[in-house]
């Protein structure tokens, strides 16, 4: 069997929100990953972490309010925590499902740091909402610490930057495991954003788009396929109008034209399409698939989903 090198980007539906939901969701996700392995895929996995990192950030802040002698956990630490416990559930669920099918294949999670540019304009225009609703007094205290807040229904919430990923710090470890035909879970939640300060790496108060780092990881691993799994079976244009149309097999040039025409919502489908286009333009013979987790195997086999090629 001719093995394909595949990066699979898991969205929220693959993980759930609460701890019990995540346990249940990762078992279902493991079946999909095992299906792809049986279909001939050598797999690296990335995943989202928005509900999980928000829960951790909120919990740590509430803990400090109750125990002032402790310090608040910065976003980079919260991101690392989310990578650890999501990876723990994912790797154990996948390992168990593979063993049930008589497949022995090691599954490992790499705690992944991603370097960002300190001069990225995103740091001047934070947009990603995190954490719980704050009172006016709490919001003022956050601003005094140099953080950004935005007004929402019922109060205020913190917002952080979403800079573009520049470099995957643990790339050699990820590549080594992947080249050894192991399943590797990496760049969870977009990776832990860090800034280079001479020999040190300092955590940045930011988050990274999971889809953009997925494209960079796929480029690093010289993948054949980038699969972005989301809540819908197809990407649509003229969304929520009478002319709404699902996209099947399309070219990069067609997708770029749709992007120019503002067909995809920022912060939702747009980063997925951007990641797919970036990946395909980086090499020959590549394809990207955007589909739902329930249709992952059919999407991989070219039977459904939005399939983007050169």
C-alpha atoms as a PDB file:
ATOM      1  CA  UNK A   1       0.000   0.000   0.000  1.00  0.00           C
ATOM      2  CA  UNK A   2       1.333   3.417  -1.009  1.00  0.00           C
ATOM      3  CA  UNK A   3       1.254   5.467   2.180  1.00  0.00           C
ATOM      4  CA  UNK A   4       0.199   9.110   2.098  1.00  0.00           C
ATOM      5  CA  UNK A   5       1.689  11.659   4.488  1.00  0.00           C
ATOM      6  CA  UNK A   6      -1.310  13.376   6.070  1.00  0.00           C
ATOM      7  CA  UNK A   7      -1.764  16.198   8.571  1.00  0.00           C
ATOM      8  CA  UNK A   8      -5.201  16.113  10.229  1.00  0.00           C
ATOM      9  CA  UNK A   9      -6.427  19.318  11.896  1.00  0.00           C
ATOM     10  CA  UNK A  10      -9.132  18.609  14.469  1.00  0.00           C
ATOM     11  CA  UNK A  11     -11.728  21.218  15.354  1.00  0.00           C
ATOM     12  CA  UNK A  12     -13.957  21.672  18.383  1.00  0.00           C
ATOM     13  CA  UNK A  13     -16.376  18.843  17.511  1.00  0.00           C
ATOM     14  CA  UNK A  14     -13.533  16.329  17.697  1.00  0.00           C
ATOM     15  CA  UNK A  15     -12.793  17.253  21.311  1.00  0.00           C
ATOM     16  CA  UNK A  16     -15.926  18.472  23.072  1.00  0.00           C
ATOM     17  CA  UNK A  17     -15.850  21.101  25.812  1.00  0.00           C
ATOM     18  CA  UNK A  18     -16.068  19.621  29.302  1.00  0.00           C
ATOM     19  CA  UNK A  19     -13.894  16.796  30.663  1.00  0.00           C
ATOM     20  CA  UNK A  20     -16.624  14.113  30.206  1.00  0.00           C
ATOM     21  CA  UNK A  21     -17.440  15.463  26.720  1.00  0.00           C
ATOM     22  CA  UNK A  22     -13.772  15.298  25.762  1.00  0.00           C
ATOM     23  CA  UNK A  23     -13.460  11.676  26.880  1.00  0.00           C
ATOM     24  CA  UNK A  24     -16.461  10.722  24.749  1.00  0.00           C
ATOM     25  CA  UNK A  25     -15.461  12.862  21.761  1.00  0.00           C
ATOM     26  CA  UNK A  26     -11.868  11.596  21.598  1.00  0.00           C
ATOM     27  CA  UNK A  27     -13.078   7.988  21.497  1.00  0.00           C
ATOM     28  CA  UNK A  28     -15.160   8.827  18.441  1.00  0.00           C
ATOM     29  CA  UNK A  29     -12.274  10.764  16.919  1.00  0.00           C
ATOM     30  CA  UNK A  30      -9.975   7.785  17.501  1.00  0.00           C
ATOM     31  CA  UNK A  31     -12.194   5.629  15.289  1.00  0.00           C
ATOM     32  CA  UNK A  32     -11.821   8.177  12.476  1.00  0.00           C
ATOM     33  CA  UNK A  33      -8.027   8.278  12.868  1.00  0.00           C
ATOM     34  CA  UNK A  34      -7.895   4.470  12.840  1.00  0.00           C
ATOM     35  CA  UNK A  35      -9.991   4.441   9.648  1.00  0.00           C
ATOM     36  CA  UNK A  36      -7.452   6.731   7.999  1.00  0.00           C
ATOM     37  CA  UNK A  37      -4.564   4.550   9.172  1.00  0.00           C
ATOM     38  CA  UNK A  38      -6.277   1.498   7.654  1.00  0.00           C
ATOM     39  CA  UNK A  39      -6.772   3.499   4.449  1.00  0.00           C
ATOM     40  CA  UNK A  40      -2.998   4.021   4.210  1.00  0.00           C
ATOM     41  CA  UNK A  41      -2.356   7.349   5.915  1.00  0.00           C
ATOM     42  CA  UNK A  42       0.760   8.224   7.922  1.00  0.00           C
ATOM     43  CA  UNK A  43      -0.706  10.792  10.306  1.00  0.00           C
ATOM     44  CA  UNK A  44       0.257  13.876  12.276  1.00  0.00           C
ATOM     45  CA  UNK A  45      -2.515  15.550  14.261  1.00  0.00           C
ATOM     46  CA  UNK A  46      -3.123  19.152  15.274  1.00  0.00           C
ATOM     47  CA  UNK A  47      -6.122  20.304  17.271  1.00  0.00           C
ATOM     48  CA  UNK A  48      -8.027  23.298  18.568  1.00  0.00           C
ATOM     49  CA  UNK A  49      -8.175  24.165  22.275  1.00  0.00           C
ATOM     50  CA  UNK A  50     -10.420  27.232  22.647  1.00  0.00           C
ATOM     51  CA  UNK A  51     -12.887  25.885  25.252  1.00  0.00           C
ATOM     52  CA  UNK A  52     -10.155  24.034  27.125  1.00  0.00           C
ATOM     53  CA  UNK A  53      -7.659  26.890  27.367  1.00  0.00           C
ATOM     54  CA  UNK A  54     -10.491  29.249  28.337  1.00  0.00           C
ATOM     55  CA  UNK A  55     -11.527  26.875  31.118  1.00  0.00           C
ATOM     56  CA  UNK A  56      -7.947  26.616  32.400  1.00  0.00           C
ATOM     57  CA  UNK A  57      -7.413  30.385  32.232  1.00  0.00           C
ATOM     58  CA  UNK A  58     -10.651  31.006  34.140  1.00  0.00           C
ATOM     59  CA  UNK A  59      -9.909  28.334  36.747  1.00  0.00           C
ATOM     60  CA  UNK A  60      -6.413  29.645  37.407  1.00  0.00           C
ATOM     61  CA  UNK A  61      -7.659  33.208  37.790  1.00  0.00           C
ATOM     62  CA  UNK A  62     -10.420  32.143  40.177  1.00  0.00           C
ATOM     63  CA  UNK A  63      -7.896  30.142  42.209  1.00  0.00           C
ATOM     64  CA  UNK A  64      -5.661  33.187  42.619  1.00  0.00           C
ATOM     65  CA  UNK A  65      -8.635  35.258  43.773  1.00  0.00           C
ATOM     66  CA  UNK A  66      -9.216  32.703  46.538  1.00  0.00           C
ATOM     67  CA  UNK A  67      -5.497  32.259  47.310  1.00  0.00           C
ATOM     68  CA  UNK A  68      -3.715  35.621  46.775  1.00  0.00           C
ATOM     69  CA  UNK A  69      -0.310  34.171  47.668  1.00  0.00           C
ATOM     70  CA  UNK A  70      -0.290  32.356  44.316  1.00  0.00           C
ATOM     71  CA  UNK A  71       0.378  34.050  40.985  1.00  0.00           C
ATOM     72  CA  UNK A  72      -1.829  34.200  37.896  1.00  0.00           C
ATOM     73  CA  UNK A  73      -0.907  31.713  35.155  1.00  0.00           C
ATOM     74  CA  UNK A  74       0.021  33.487  31.895  1.00  0.00           C
ATOM     75  CA  UNK A  75      -1.584  32.458  28.597  1.00  0.00           C
ATOM     76  CA  UNK A  76       1.481  30.467  27.522  1.00  0.00           C
ATOM     77  CA  UNK A  77       1.224  28.262  30.622  1.00  0.00           C
ATOM     78  CA  UNK A  78      -2.516  27.778  30.104  1.00  0.00           C
ATOM     79  CA  UNK A  79      -1.832  26.777  26.505  1.00  0.00           C
ATOM     80  CA  UNK A  80       0.785  24.240  27.626  1.00  0.00           C
ATOM     81  CA  UNK A  81      -1.666  22.764  30.131  1.00  0.00           C
ATOM     82  CA  UNK A  82      -4.328  22.395  27.442  1.00  0.00           C
ATOM     83  CA  UNK A  83      -1.891  20.650  25.088  1.00  0.00           C
ATOM     84  CA  UNK A  84      -1.044  18.182  27.827  1.00  0.00           C
ATOM     85  CA  UNK A  85      -4.498  17.096  28.855  1.00  0.00           C
ATOM     86  CA  UNK A  86      -6.012  17.116  25.355  1.00  0.00           C
ATOM     87  CA  UNK A  87      -3.044  15.127  24.065  1.00  0.00           C
ATOM     88  CA  UNK A  88      -3.405  12.703  26.966  1.00  0.00           C
ATOM     89  CA  UNK A  89      -7.010  11.849  26.048  1.00  0.00           C
ATOM     90  CA  UNK A  90      -6.320  11.780  22.311  1.00  0.00           C
ATOM     91  CA  UNK A  91      -3.253   9.567  22.390  1.00  0.00           C
ATOM     92  CA  UNK A  92      -4.814   7.059  24.785  1.00  0.00           C
ATOM     93  CA  UNK A  93      -8.058   6.863  22.790  1.00  0.00           C
ATOM     94  CA  UNK A  94      -6.204   6.407  19.489  1.00  0.00           C
ATOM     95  CA  UNK A  95      -3.815   3.824  20.957  1.00  0.00           C
ATOM     96  CA  UNK A  96      -6.729   1.787  22.342  1.00  0.00           C
ATOM     97  CA  UNK A  97      -8.691   1.919  19.060  1.00  0.00           C
ATOM     98  CA  UNK A  98      -5.679   0.826  17.020  1.00  0.00           C
ATOM     99  CA  UNK A  99      -5.012  -2.101  19.382  1.00  0.00           C
ATOM    100  CA  UNK A 100      -8.649  -3.176  19.093  1.00  0.00           C
ATOM    101  CA  UNK A 101      -8.055  -3.413  15.342  1.00  0.00           C
ATOM    102  CA  UNK A 102      -4.812  -5.321  15.720  1.00  0.00           C
ATOM    103  CA  UNK A 103      -2.622  -2.366  14.777  1.00  0.00           C
ATOM    104  CA  UNK A 104       0.471  -1.558  16.823  1.00  0.00           C
ATOM    105  CA  UNK A 105       1.519   2.016  16.189  1.00  0.00           C
ATOM    106  CA  UNK A 106       2.961   4.316  18.877  1.00  0.00           C
ATOM    107  CA  UNK A 107       1.072   7.565  19.508  1.00  0.00           C
ATOM    108  CA  UNK A 108       2.870  10.499  21.129  1.00  0.00           C
ATOM    109  CA  UNK A 109       2.066  14.083  22.077  1.00  0.00           C
ATOM    110  CA  UNK A 110       4.769  16.714  21.624  1.00  0.00           C
ATOM    111  CA  UNK A 111       4.475  19.809  23.797  1.00  0.00           C
ATOM    112  CA  UNK A 112       4.983  22.322  20.995  1.00  0.00           C
ATOM    113  CA  UNK A 113       6.199  25.911  21.062  1.00  0.00           C
ATOM    114  CA  UNK A 114       5.691  28.154  18.047  1.00  0.00           C
ATOM    115  CA  UNK A 115       7.800  31.244  17.550  1.00  0.00           C
ATOM    116  CA  UNK A 116       5.998  34.444  16.572  1.00  0.00           C
ATOM    117  CA  UNK A 117       7.241  37.848  15.436  1.00  0.00           C
ATOM    118  CA  UNK A 118       7.218  40.414  18.270  1.00  0.00           C
ATOM    119  CA  UNK A 119       6.533  43.098  15.663  1.00  0.00           C
ATOM    120  CA  UNK A 120       3.489  41.310  14.218  1.00  0.00           C
ATOM    121  CA  UNK A 121       0.740  43.901  13.797  1.00  0.00           C
ATOM    122  CA  UNK A 122      -1.674  41.513  15.512  1.00  0.00           C
ATOM    123  CA  UNK A 123      -0.192  42.531  18.864  1.00  0.00           C
ATOM    124  CA  UNK A 124      -1.569  46.034  18.277  1.00  0.00           C
ATOM    125  CA  UNK A 125      -5.000  44.709  17.303  1.00  0.00           C
ATOM    126  CA  UNK A 126      -5.920  41.833  19.663  1.00  0.00           C
ATOM    127  CA  UNK A 127      -9.130  40.079  18.686  1.00  0.00           C
ATOM    128  CA  UNK A 128      -9.348  36.640  20.343  1.00  0.00           C
ATOM    129  CA  UNK A 129     -11.681  36.595  23.353  1.00  0.00           C
ATOM    130  CA  UNK A 130     -10.586  34.452  26.316  1.00  0.00           C
ATOM    131  CA  UNK A 131     -11.632  33.755  29.879  1.00  0.00           C
ATOM    132  CA  UNK A 132     -14.722  34.595  31.883  1.00  0.00           C
ATOM    133  CA  UNK A 133     -16.871  37.736  31.971  1.00  0.00           C
ATOM    134  CA  UNK A 134     -15.244  40.459  34.093  1.00  0.00           C
ATOM    135  CA  UNK A 135     -16.738  43.308  36.082  1.00  0.00           C
ATOM    136  CA  UNK A 136     -15.800  46.907  35.247  1.00  0.00           C
ATOM    137  CA  UNK A 137     -13.371  46.953  38.188  1.00  0.00           C
ATOM    138  CA  UNK A 138     -11.709  43.708  37.091  1.00  0.00           C
ATOM    139  CA  UNK A 139     -11.471  44.938  33.506  1.00  0.00           C
ATOM    140  CA  UNK A 140      -9.801  48.135  34.672  1.00  0.00           C
ATOM    141  CA  UNK A 141      -7.315  46.089  36.703  1.00  0.00           C
ATOM    142  CA  UNK A 142      -6.490  43.998  33.615  1.00  0.00           C
ATOM    143  CA  UNK A 143      -5.842  47.128  31.565  1.00  0.00           C
ATOM    144  CA  UNK A 144      -3.534  48.478  34.277  1.00  0.00           C
ATOM    145  CA  UNK A 145      -1.504  45.269  33.896  1.00  0.00           C
ATOM    146  CA  UNK A 146      -1.146  46.002  30.173  1.00  0.00           C
ATOM    147  CA  UNK A 147      -3.807  43.551  29.000  1.00  0.00           C
ATOM    148  CA  UNK A 148      -6.640  44.300  26.575  1.00  0.00           C
ATOM    149  CA  UNK A 149     -10.356  43.904  27.283  1.00  0.00           C
ATOM    150  CA  UNK A 150     -13.513  44.291  25.262  1.00  0.00           C
ATOM    151  CA  UNK A 151     -17.083  44.970  26.343  1.00  0.00           C
ATOM    152  CA  UNK A 152     -19.488  42.046  25.977  1.00  0.00           C
ATOM    153  CA  UNK A 153     -22.978  41.256  27.178  1.00  0.00           C
ATOM    154  CA  UNK A 154     -22.906  41.279  30.973  1.00  0.00           C
ATOM    155  CA  UNK A 155     -19.490  42.912  31.381  1.00  0.00           C
ATOM    156  CA  UNK A 156     -16.032  42.645  29.840  1.00  0.00           C
ATOM    157  CA  UNK A 157     -13.673  39.891  28.660  1.00  0.00           C
ATOM    158  CA  UNK A 158      -9.966  39.773  27.912  1.00  0.00           C
ATOM    159  CA  UNK A 159      -8.784  39.741  24.321  1.00  0.00           C
ATOM    160  CA  UNK A 160      -5.384  38.606  23.068  1.00  0.00           C
ATOM    161  CA  UNK A 161      -3.476  38.836  19.799  1.00  0.00           C
ATOM    162  CA  UNK A 162      -3.436  36.156  17.097  1.00  0.00           C
ATOM    163  CA  UNK A 163      -0.011  36.571  15.414  1.00  0.00           C
ATOM    164  CA  UNK A 164       1.039  34.462  12.444  1.00  0.00           C
ATOM    165  CA  UNK A 165       3.243  31.444  13.210  1.00  0.00           C
ATOM    166  CA  UNK A 166       6.872  31.757  12.122  1.00  0.00           C
ATOM    167  CA  UNK A 167       8.733  28.648  13.312  1.00  0.00           C
ATOM    168  CA  UNK A 168       7.882  25.370  15.060  1.00  0.00           C
ATOM    169  CA  UNK A 169      10.506  25.019  17.789  1.00  0.00           C
ATOM    170  CA  UNK A 170      10.185  21.236  18.259  1.00  0.00           C
ATOM    171  CA  UNK A 171      10.150  20.542  14.510  1.00  0.00           C
ATOM    172  CA  UNK A 172      13.015  18.019  14.585  1.00  0.00           C
ATOM    173  CA  UNK A 173      11.343  15.859  17.236  1.00  0.00           C
ATOM    174  CA  UNK A 174       8.020  15.944  15.370  1.00  0.00           C
ATOM    175  CA  UNK A 175       9.658  15.055  12.064  1.00  0.00           C
ATOM    176  CA  UNK A 176      11.621  12.183  13.617  1.00  0.00           C
ATOM    177  CA  UNK A 177       8.503  10.549  15.043  1.00  0.00           C
ATOM    178  CA  UNK A 178       6.495  11.125  11.877  1.00  0.00           C
ATOM    179  CA  UNK A 179       9.222   9.713   9.626  1.00  0.00           C
ATOM    180  CA  UNK A 180       9.291   6.634  11.871  1.00  0.00           C
ATOM    181  CA  UNK A 181       5.612   6.028  10.925  1.00  0.00           C
ATOM    182  CA  UNK A 182       4.363   6.947  14.391  1.00  0.00           C
ATOM    183  CA  UNK A 183       1.256   9.030  15.007  1.00  0.00           C
ATOM    184  CA  UNK A 184       2.316  12.355  16.455  1.00  0.00           C
ATOM    185  CA  UNK A 185       0.040  14.956  18.077  1.00  0.00           C
ATOM    186  CA  UNK A 186       1.648  18.392  17.868  1.00  0.00           C
ATOM    187  CA  UNK A 187       0.988  22.136  17.721  1.00  0.00           C
ATOM    188  CA  UNK A 188      -2.087  21.760  19.915  1.00  0.00           C
ATOM    189  CA  UNK A 189      -4.221  24.883  20.025  1.00  0.00           C
ATOM    190  CA  UNK A 190      -1.958  26.442  17.407  1.00  0.00           C
ATOM    191  CA  UNK A 191       1.106  25.833  19.586  1.00  0.00           C
ATOM    192  CA  UNK A 192       2.398  27.750  22.592  1.00  0.00           C
ATOM    193  CA  UNK A 193       3.295  31.203  21.201  1.00  0.00           C
ATOM    194  CA  UNK A 194       6.809  32.232  22.204  1.00  0.00           C
ATOM    195  CA  UNK A 195       9.180  35.116  21.524  1.00  0.00           C
ATOM    196  CA  UNK A 196      12.921  34.613  21.064  1.00  0.00           C
ATOM    197  CA  UNK A 197      14.996  36.552  23.600  1.00  0.00           C
ATOM    198  CA  UNK A 198      18.605  35.588  22.921  1.00  0.00           C
ATOM    199  CA  UNK A 199      18.872  31.949  24.114  1.00  0.00           C
ATOM    200  CA  UNK A 200      15.553  32.089  25.952  1.00  0.00           C
ATOM    201  CA  UNK A 201      12.005  31.584  24.672  1.00  0.00           C
ATOM    202  CA  UNK A 202       9.475  33.790  26.471  1.00  0.00           C
ATOM    203  CA  UNK A 203       5.759  33.004  26.373  1.00  0.00           C
ATOM    204  CA  UNK A 204       3.631  35.540  24.512  1.00  0.00           C
ATOM    205  CA  UNK A 205       0.172  36.679  25.597  1.00  0.00           C
ATOM    206  CA  UNK A 206      -1.415  35.447  22.389  1.00  0.00           C
ATOM    207  CA  UNK A 207      -3.028  32.544  20.571  1.00  0.00           C
ATOM    208  CA  UNK A 208      -2.213  31.128  17.142  1.00  0.00           C
ATOM    209  CA  UNK A 209      -4.778  30.052  14.556  1.00  0.00           C
ATOM    210  CA  UNK A 210      -4.809  26.260  14.585  1.00  0.00           C
ATOM    211  CA  UNK A 211      -5.415  26.078  10.824  1.00  0.00           C
ATOM    212  CA  UNK A 212      -2.432  28.286   9.962  1.00  0.00           C
ATOM    213  CA  UNK A 213      -0.026  26.234  12.078  1.00  0.00           C
ATOM    214  CA  UNK A 214      -1.495  23.081  10.526  1.00  0.00           C
ATOM    215  CA  UNK A 215      -0.456  24.320   7.092  1.00  0.00           C
ATOM    216  CA  UNK A 216       3.031  25.116   8.386  1.00  0.00           C
ATOM    217  CA  UNK A 217       3.326  21.666   9.974  1.00  0.00           C
ATOM    218  CA  UNK A 218       2.150  20.027   6.753  1.00  0.00           C
ATOM    219  CA  UNK A 219       4.812  21.985   4.869  1.00  0.00           C
ATOM    220  CA  UNK A 220       7.468  20.949   7.388  1.00  0.00           C
ATOM    221  CA  UNK A 221       6.557  17.256   7.036  1.00  0.00           C
ATOM    222  CA  UNK A 222       6.244  17.466   3.245  1.00  0.00           C
ATOM    223  CA  UNK A 223       2.715  16.090   3.557  1.00  0.00           C
ATOM    224  CA  UNK A 224       0.667  14.936   0.599  1.00  0.00           C
ATOM    225  CA  UNK A 225      -2.659  15.871   2.175  1.00  0.00           C
ATOM    226  CA  UNK A 226      -3.851  18.496   4.647  1.00  0.00           C
ATOM    227  CA  UNK A 227      -7.215  17.553   6.150  1.00  0.00           C
ATOM    228  CA  UNK A 228      -9.074  20.279   8.041  1.00  0.00           C
ATOM    229  CA  UNK A 229     -12.025  18.773   9.897  1.00  0.00           C
ATOM    230  CA  UNK A 230     -14.807  21.096  10.944  1.00  0.00           C
ATOM    231  CA  UNK A 231     -18.583  21.096  11.540  1.00  0.00           C
ATOM    232  CA  UNK A 232     -19.699  21.099   7.891  1.00  0.00           C
ATOM    233  CA  UNK A 233     -19.248  18.590   5.088  1.00  0.00           C
ATOM    234  CA  UNK A 234     -18.439  21.243   2.469  1.00  0.00           C
ATOM    235  CA  UNK A 235     -17.235  24.826   2.274  1.00  0.00           C
ATOM    236  CA  UNK A 236     -20.013  27.031   0.905  1.00  0.00           C
ATOM    237  CA  UNK A 237     -20.093  30.293  -1.005  1.00  0.00           C
ATOM    238  CA  UNK A 238     -22.933  32.820  -0.839  1.00  0.00           C
ATOM    239  CA  UNK A 239     -23.386  31.471   2.676  1.00  0.00           C
ATOM    240  CA  UNK A 240     -26.836  32.015   4.260  1.00  0.00           C
ATOM    241  CA  UNK A 241     -28.331  33.367   1.025  1.00  0.00           C
ATOM    242  CA  UNK A 242     -30.725  31.919  -1.542  1.00  0.00           C
ATOM    243  CA  UNK A 243     -27.701  31.362  -3.814  1.00  0.00           C
ATOM    244  CA  UNK A 244     -25.717  29.333  -1.267  1.00  0.00           C
ATOM    245  CA  UNK A 245     -23.642  26.683  -3.026  1.00  0.00           C
ATOM    246  CA  UNK A 246     -21.447  23.901  -1.676  1.00  0.00           C
ATOM    247  CA  UNK A 247     -17.978  23.525  -3.143  1.00  0.00           C
ATOM    248  CA  UNK A 248     -16.730  20.101  -4.203  1.00  0.00           C
ATOM    249  CA  UNK A 249     -13.503  19.825  -6.182  1.00  0.00           C
ATOM    250  CA  UNK A 250     -11.978  23.259  -6.724  1.00  0.00           C
ATOM    251  CA  UNK A 251      -8.608  24.746  -7.657  1.00  0.00           C
ATOM    252  CA  UNK A 252      -6.420  27.091  -5.655  1.00  0.00           C
ATOM    253  CA  UNK A 253      -7.102  29.886  -8.109  1.00  0.00           C
ATOM    254  CA  UNK A 254     -10.851  29.494  -7.656  1.00  0.00           C
ATOM    255  CA  UNK A 255     -10.495  29.621  -3.882  1.00  0.00           C
ATOM    256  CA  UNK A 256      -8.292  32.699  -4.079  1.00  0.00           C
ATOM    257  CA  UNK A 257     -10.949  34.404  -6.173  1.00  0.00           C
ATOM    258  CA  UNK A 258     -13.604  33.514  -3.605  1.00  0.00           C
ATOM    259  CA  UNK A 259     -11.386  34.976  -0.878  1.00  0.00           C
ATOM    260  CA  UNK A 260     -10.987  38.211  -2.832  1.00  0.00           C
ATOM    261  CA  UNK A 261     -14.772  38.365  -3.046  1.00  0.00           C
ATOM    262  CA  UNK A 262     -15.073  38.035   0.759  1.00  0.00           C
ATOM    263  CA  UNK A 263     -16.930  34.734   0.567  1.00  0.00           C
ATOM    264  CA  UNK A 264     -15.502  33.320   3.794  1.00  0.00           C
ATOM    265  CA  UNK A 265     -16.061  34.581   7.316  1.00  0.00           C
ATOM    266  CA  UNK A 266     -13.013  35.879   9.175  1.00  0.00           C
ATOM    267  CA  UNK A 267     -12.161  33.790  12.228  1.00  0.00           C
ATOM    268  CA  UNK A 268     -14.273  30.896  10.956  1.00  0.00           C
ATOM    269  CA  UNK A 269     -13.906  29.472   7.445  1.00  0.00           C
ATOM    270  CA  UNK A 270     -11.410  32.014   6.125  1.00  0.00           C
ATOM    271  CA  UNK A 271      -8.339  30.740   8.068  1.00  0.00           C
ATOM    272  CA  UNK A 272      -9.149  27.186   6.936  1.00  0.00           C
ATOM    273  CA  UNK A 273      -9.202  28.229   3.295  1.00  0.00           C
ATOM    274  CA  UNK A 274      -6.067  30.360   3.742  1.00  0.00           C
ATOM    275  CA  UNK A 275      -4.251  27.394   5.279  1.00  0.00           C
ATOM    276  CA  UNK A 276      -5.318  25.090   2.452  1.00  0.00           C
ATOM    277  CA  UNK A 277      -4.176  27.541  -0.224  1.00  0.00           C
ATOM    278  CA  UNK A 278      -0.844  28.202   1.499  1.00  0.00           C
ATOM    279  CA  UNK A 279      -0.141  24.469   1.791  1.00  0.00           C
ATOM    280  CA  UNK A 280      -0.960  23.628  -1.823  1.00  0.00           C
ATOM    281  CA  UNK A 281       1.027  26.536  -3.218  1.00  0.00           C
ATOM    282  CA  UNK A 282       4.079  25.300  -1.296  1.00  0.00           C
ATOM    283  CA  UNK A 283       4.664  22.179  -3.404  1.00  0.00           C
ATOM    284  CA  UNK A 284       3.568  19.973  -6.272  1.00  0.00           C
ATOM    285  CA  UNK A 285       0.934  17.244  -6.171  1.00  0.00           C
ATOM    286  CA  UNK A 286      -0.633  18.337  -2.887  1.00  0.00           C
ATOM    287  CA  UNK A 287      -4.290  18.497  -1.954  1.00  0.00           C
ATOM    288  CA  UNK A 288      -6.307  19.870   0.921  1.00  0.00           C
ATOM    289  CA  UNK A 289      -9.627  18.549   2.170  1.00  0.00           C
ATOM    290  CA  UNK A 290     -12.080  20.550   4.261  1.00  0.00           C
ATOM    291  CA  UNK A 291     -14.961  18.450   5.566  1.00  0.00           C
ATOM    292  CA  UNK A 292     -16.731  17.264   8.709  1.00  0.00           C
ATOM    293  CA  UNK A 293     -15.196  14.784  11.111  1.00  0.00           C
ATOM    294  CA  UNK A 294     -18.008  12.319  10.326  1.00  0.00           C
ATOM    295  CA  UNK A 295     -16.979  12.326   6.661  1.00  0.00           C
ATOM    296  CA  UNK A 296     -13.205  12.282   7.197  1.00  0.00           C
ATOM    297  CA  UNK A 297     -12.514   8.909   5.566  1.00  0.00           C
ATOM    298  CA  UNK A 298     -14.739   9.675   2.569  1.00  0.00           C
ATOM    299  CA  UNK A 299     -13.052  13.052   2.257  1.00  0.00           C
ATOM    300  CA  UNK A 300      -9.618  11.418   2.329  1.00  0.00           C
ATOM    301  CA  UNK A 301     -10.742   9.012  -0.401  1.00  0.00           C
ATOM    302  CA  UNK A 302     -12.051  11.910  -2.511  1.00  0.00           C
ATOM    303  CA  UNK A 303     -15.720  10.986  -2.197  1.00  0.00           C
ATOM    304  CA  UNK A 304     -16.947  14.111  -0.422  1.00  0.00           C
ATOM    305  CA  UNK A 305     -15.895  17.390   1.146  1.00  0.00           C
ATOM    306  CA  UNK A 306     -14.302  20.432  -0.436  1.00  0.00           C
ATOM    307  CA  UNK A 307     -11.174  19.128  -2.154  1.00  0.00           C
ATOM    308  CA  UNK A 308      -8.666  21.788  -3.204  1.00  0.00           C
ATOM    309  CA  UNK A 309      -5.886  21.069  -5.682  1.00  0.00           C
ATOM    310  CA  UNK A 310      -3.436  23.023  -7.845  1.00  0.00           C
END
